[in-house]
Amino acid sequence: MGLDSTKIVLTEACQEWFKSAYPPSVVYEYVVTEPFILKSMGAEFAEITCPLGIPYRIPLYIDGNITFKMDLKATT
C-alpha cells in the first residue's frame, strides 16, 4: 500500500484555508469535511485528491497548525 491508499481529513485550520484557495462557488468537486486521498508530500506542501480524482495542493502547516490527519475511519 502506498500513498494512493492513504485517506486523510482536513483540520479546521485547513478547511477555512481550502475554501478560500478553492472557492466552493467555483470548484464543486469536493466536500471539505469528507476524506481526501494523499497523493504526495513534500517539505512544505501536500498534493491531495478528492474522490473524483481532482488534484489540489495544500500547505502542511498554517500558522504552525498541521493541515491534515489520517482518516481513522478508513483504517478500521
N, C-alpha and C. Protein backbone atom coordinates (compact mmCIF):
# COMPACT_ATOMS: atom_id res chain seq x y z
N MET A 1 0.83 -1.18 0.00
CA MET A 1 0.00 0.00 0.00
C MET A 1 0.88 1.25 0.00
N GLY A 2 0.61 2.15 -0.91
CA GLY A 2 1.35 3.39 -0.97
C GLY A 2 0.48 4.56 -0.55
N LEU A 3 0.93 5.73 -0.90
CA LEU A 3 0.18 6.93 -0.56
C LEU A 3 -1.21 6.94 -1.18
N ASP A 4 -1.36 6.33 -2.35
CA ASP A 4 -2.66 6.35 -3.03
C ASP A 4 -3.77 5.71 -2.20
N SER A 5 -3.43 4.94 -1.19
CA SER A 5 -4.45 4.32 -0.37
C SER A 5 -4.61 5.05 0.97
N THR A 6 -3.91 6.17 1.15
CA THR A 6 -3.96 6.91 2.40
C THR A 6 -5.04 7.97 2.35
N LYS A 7 -6.08 7.76 3.14
CA LYS A 7 -7.15 8.74 3.22
C LYS A 7 -6.88 9.68 4.38
N ILE A 8 -7.11 10.96 4.12
CA ILE A 8 -6.87 11.98 5.14
C ILE A 8 -8.10 12.87 5.27
N VAL A 9 -8.18 13.57 6.38
CA VAL A 9 -9.21 14.59 6.57
C VAL A 9 -8.50 15.91 6.89
N LEU A 10 -9.08 16.99 6.44
CA LEU A 10 -8.51 18.31 6.68
C LEU A 10 -8.85 18.78 8.09
N THR A 11 -7.90 19.42 8.74
CA THR A 11 -8.16 20.00 10.06
C THR A 11 -8.99 21.27 9.87
N GLU A 12 -9.53 21.79 10.96
CA GLU A 12 -10.34 23.01 10.87
C GLU A 12 -9.54 24.16 10.28
N ALA A 13 -8.26 24.27 10.67
CA ALA A 13 -7.41 25.33 10.14
C ALA A 13 -7.31 25.24 8.62
N CYS A 14 -7.19 24.05 8.11
CA CYS A 14 -7.06 23.87 6.66
C CYS A 14 -8.40 24.00 5.94
N GLN A 15 -9.49 23.62 6.58
CA GLN A 15 -10.79 23.71 5.92
C GLN A 15 -11.08 25.15 5.50
N GLU A 16 -10.80 26.11 6.38
CA GLU A 16 -11.04 27.52 6.04
C GLU A 16 -10.09 27.97 4.93
N TRP A 17 -8.81 27.58 5.03
CA TRP A 17 -7.85 27.93 4.00
C TRP A 17 -8.27 27.33 2.66
N PHE A 18 -8.69 26.07 2.69
CA PHE A 18 -9.06 25.35 1.47
C PHE A 18 -10.24 26.03 0.77
N LYS A 19 -11.25 26.41 1.54
CA LYS A 19 -12.42 27.07 0.94
C LYS A 19 -12.04 28.42 0.35
N SER A 20 -11.03 29.08 0.93
CA SER A 20 -10.57 30.35 0.40
C SER A 20 -9.74 30.14 -0.87
N ALA A 21 -8.87 29.14 -0.86
CA ALA A 21 -8.00 28.87 -2.01
C ALA A 21 -8.76 28.24 -3.18
N TYR A 22 -9.74 27.40 -2.86
CA TYR A 22 -10.55 26.71 -3.88
C TYR A 22 -12.02 26.98 -3.57
N PRO A 23 -12.52 28.16 -3.93
CA PRO A 23 -13.89 28.55 -3.56
C PRO A 23 -14.95 27.55 -4.01
N PRO A 24 -15.84 27.16 -3.09
CA PRO A 24 -16.88 26.19 -3.44
C PRO A 24 -17.81 26.68 -4.55
N SER A 25 -17.93 27.99 -4.73
CA SER A 25 -18.78 28.50 -5.80
C SER A 25 -18.15 28.29 -7.17
N VAL A 26 -16.85 28.03 -7.21
CA VAL A 26 -16.14 27.81 -8.47
C VAL A 26 -15.82 26.33 -8.66
N VAL A 27 -15.42 25.66 -7.60
CA VAL A 27 -14.99 24.27 -7.63
C VAL A 27 -16.01 23.43 -6.86
N TYR A 28 -16.69 22.53 -7.54
CA TYR A 28 -17.76 21.75 -6.91
C TYR A 28 -17.38 20.31 -6.59
N GLU A 29 -16.17 19.92 -6.88
CA GLU A 29 -15.80 18.51 -6.79
C GLU A 29 -15.49 18.02 -5.39
N TYR A 30 -15.48 18.88 -4.39
CA TYR A 30 -15.07 18.44 -3.06
C TYR A 30 -16.11 18.80 -2.00
N VAL A 31 -16.05 18.06 -0.91
CA VAL A 31 -16.76 18.39 0.32
C VAL A 31 -15.67 18.50 1.37
N VAL A 32 -15.45 19.71 1.88
CA VAL A 32 -14.29 19.98 2.71
C VAL A 32 -14.23 19.11 3.98
N THR A 33 -15.35 18.60 4.44
CA THR A 33 -15.37 17.77 5.65
C THR A 33 -15.24 16.28 5.35
N GLU A 34 -15.22 15.89 4.09
CA GLU A 34 -15.09 14.49 3.69
C GLU A 34 -13.62 14.14 3.45
N PRO A 35 -13.27 12.85 3.49
CA PRO A 35 -11.88 12.44 3.28
C PRO A 35 -11.36 12.76 1.87
N PHE A 36 -10.07 13.04 1.80
CA PHE A 36 -9.33 13.21 0.56
C PHE A 36 -8.29 12.09 0.51
N ILE A 37 -7.64 11.93 -0.62
CA ILE A 37 -6.59 10.92 -0.76
C ILE A 37 -5.26 11.65 -0.88
N LEU A 38 -4.30 11.27 -0.05
CA LEU A 38 -2.97 11.85 -0.08
C LEU A 38 -2.20 11.24 -1.25
N LYS A 39 -1.78 12.07 -2.19
CA LYS A 39 -1.06 11.59 -3.38
C LYS A 39 0.45 11.72 -3.22
N SER A 40 0.89 12.85 -2.70
CA SER A 40 2.33 13.06 -2.48
C SER A 40 2.53 14.13 -1.42
N MET A 41 3.74 14.12 -0.84
CA MET A 41 4.03 15.07 0.21
C MET A 41 5.46 15.57 0.04
N GLY A 42 5.61 16.88 0.11
CA GLY A 42 6.93 17.47 0.04
C GLY A 42 7.28 18.11 1.37
N ALA A 43 8.27 18.99 1.35
CA ALA A 43 8.72 19.64 2.59
C ALA A 43 7.72 20.67 3.09
N GLU A 44 6.97 21.31 2.17
CA GLU A 44 6.05 22.36 2.58
C GLU A 44 4.62 22.14 2.12
N PHE A 45 4.42 21.32 1.09
CA PHE A 45 3.09 21.13 0.53
C PHE A 45 2.76 19.65 0.37
N ALA A 46 1.47 19.36 0.32
CA ALA A 46 1.00 18.01 0.02
C ALA A 46 0.03 18.11 -1.15
N GLU A 47 0.04 17.10 -2.01
CA GLU A 47 -0.93 17.02 -3.09
C GLU A 47 -1.97 16.01 -2.67
N ILE A 48 -3.23 16.42 -2.74
CA ILE A 48 -4.34 15.56 -2.37
C ILE A 48 -5.34 15.53 -3.51
N THR A 49 -6.20 14.52 -3.51
CA THR A 49 -7.27 14.47 -4.50
C THR A 49 -8.59 14.22 -3.78
N CYS A 50 -9.65 14.73 -4.39
CA CYS A 50 -10.99 14.44 -3.89
C CYS A 50 -11.39 13.08 -4.45
N PRO A 51 -12.52 12.51 -4.02
CA PRO A 51 -12.93 11.20 -4.53
C PRO A 51 -13.06 11.12 -6.06
N LEU A 52 -13.32 12.25 -6.72
CA LEU A 52 -13.43 12.24 -8.19
C LEU A 52 -12.08 12.29 -8.87
N GLY A 53 -10.99 12.42 -8.10
CA GLY A 53 -9.64 12.43 -8.66
C GLY A 53 -9.10 13.80 -9.02
N ILE A 54 -9.80 14.87 -8.66
CA ILE A 54 -9.33 16.22 -8.94
C ILE A 54 -8.20 16.55 -7.97
N PRO A 55 -7.02 16.96 -8.45
CA PRO A 55 -5.89 17.24 -7.55
C PRO A 55 -5.96 18.64 -6.95
N TYR A 56 -5.51 18.74 -5.72
CA TYR A 56 -5.40 20.01 -5.00
C TYR A 56 -4.06 20.01 -4.28
N ARG A 57 -3.56 21.20 -3.99
CA ARG A 57 -2.29 21.34 -3.28
C ARG A 57 -2.54 22.15 -2.01
N ILE A 58 -2.09 21.61 -0.88
CA ILE A 58 -2.30 22.29 0.40
C ILE A 58 -0.96 22.44 1.14
N PRO A 59 -0.83 23.48 1.95
CA PRO A 59 0.38 23.58 2.77
C PRO A 59 0.33 22.55 3.89
N LEU A 60 1.48 22.15 4.41
CA LEU A 60 1.50 21.19 5.52
C LEU A 60 1.11 21.85 6.83
N TYR A 61 1.42 23.15 6.97
CA TYR A 61 1.11 23.88 8.19
C TYR A 61 0.52 25.24 7.85
N ILE A 62 -0.42 25.68 8.66
CA ILE A 62 -0.98 27.03 8.58
C ILE A 62 -0.87 27.63 9.97
N ASP A 63 -0.12 28.70 10.08
CA ASP A 63 0.12 29.36 11.38
C ASP A 63 0.59 28.35 12.43
N GLY A 64 1.44 27.43 12.03
CA GLY A 64 2.01 26.44 12.94
C GLY A 64 1.11 25.25 13.24
N ASN A 65 -0.08 25.22 12.65
CA ASN A 65 -1.01 24.11 12.87
C ASN A 65 -0.99 23.15 11.68
N ILE A 66 -0.96 21.86 11.95
CA ILE A 66 -0.97 20.84 10.90
C ILE A 66 -2.29 20.95 10.11
N THR A 67 -2.25 20.66 8.82
CA THR A 67 -3.42 20.87 7.98
C THR A 67 -4.25 19.61 7.71
N PHE A 68 -3.70 18.44 8.01
CA PHE A 68 -4.49 17.23 7.79
C PHE A 68 -4.07 16.14 8.76
N LYS A 69 -4.91 15.13 8.88
CA LYS A 69 -4.61 13.97 9.71
C LYS A 69 -5.18 12.74 9.03
N MET A 70 -4.72 11.58 9.45
CA MET A 70 -5.21 10.32 8.88
C MET A 70 -6.71 10.20 9.15
N ASP A 71 -7.42 9.63 8.21
CA ASP A 71 -8.84 9.36 8.39
C ASP A 71 -8.94 8.05 9.16
N LEU A 72 -9.18 8.12 10.45
CA LEU A 72 -9.19 6.92 11.29
C LEU A 72 -10.31 5.96 10.91
N LYS A 73 -11.41 6.46 10.35
CA LYS A 73 -12.49 5.57 9.93
C LYS A 73 -12.06 4.68 8.78
N ALA A 74 -11.13 5.15 7.97
CA ALA A 74 -10.66 4.38 6.82
C ALA A 74 -9.70 3.28 7.22
N THR A 75 -9.12 3.35 8.42
CA THR A 75 -8.13 2.37 8.82
C THR A 75 -8.71 1.26 9.68
N THR A 76 -9.98 1.34 10.03
CA THR A 76 -10.58 0.30 10.87
C THR A 76 -11.36 -0.69 10.07
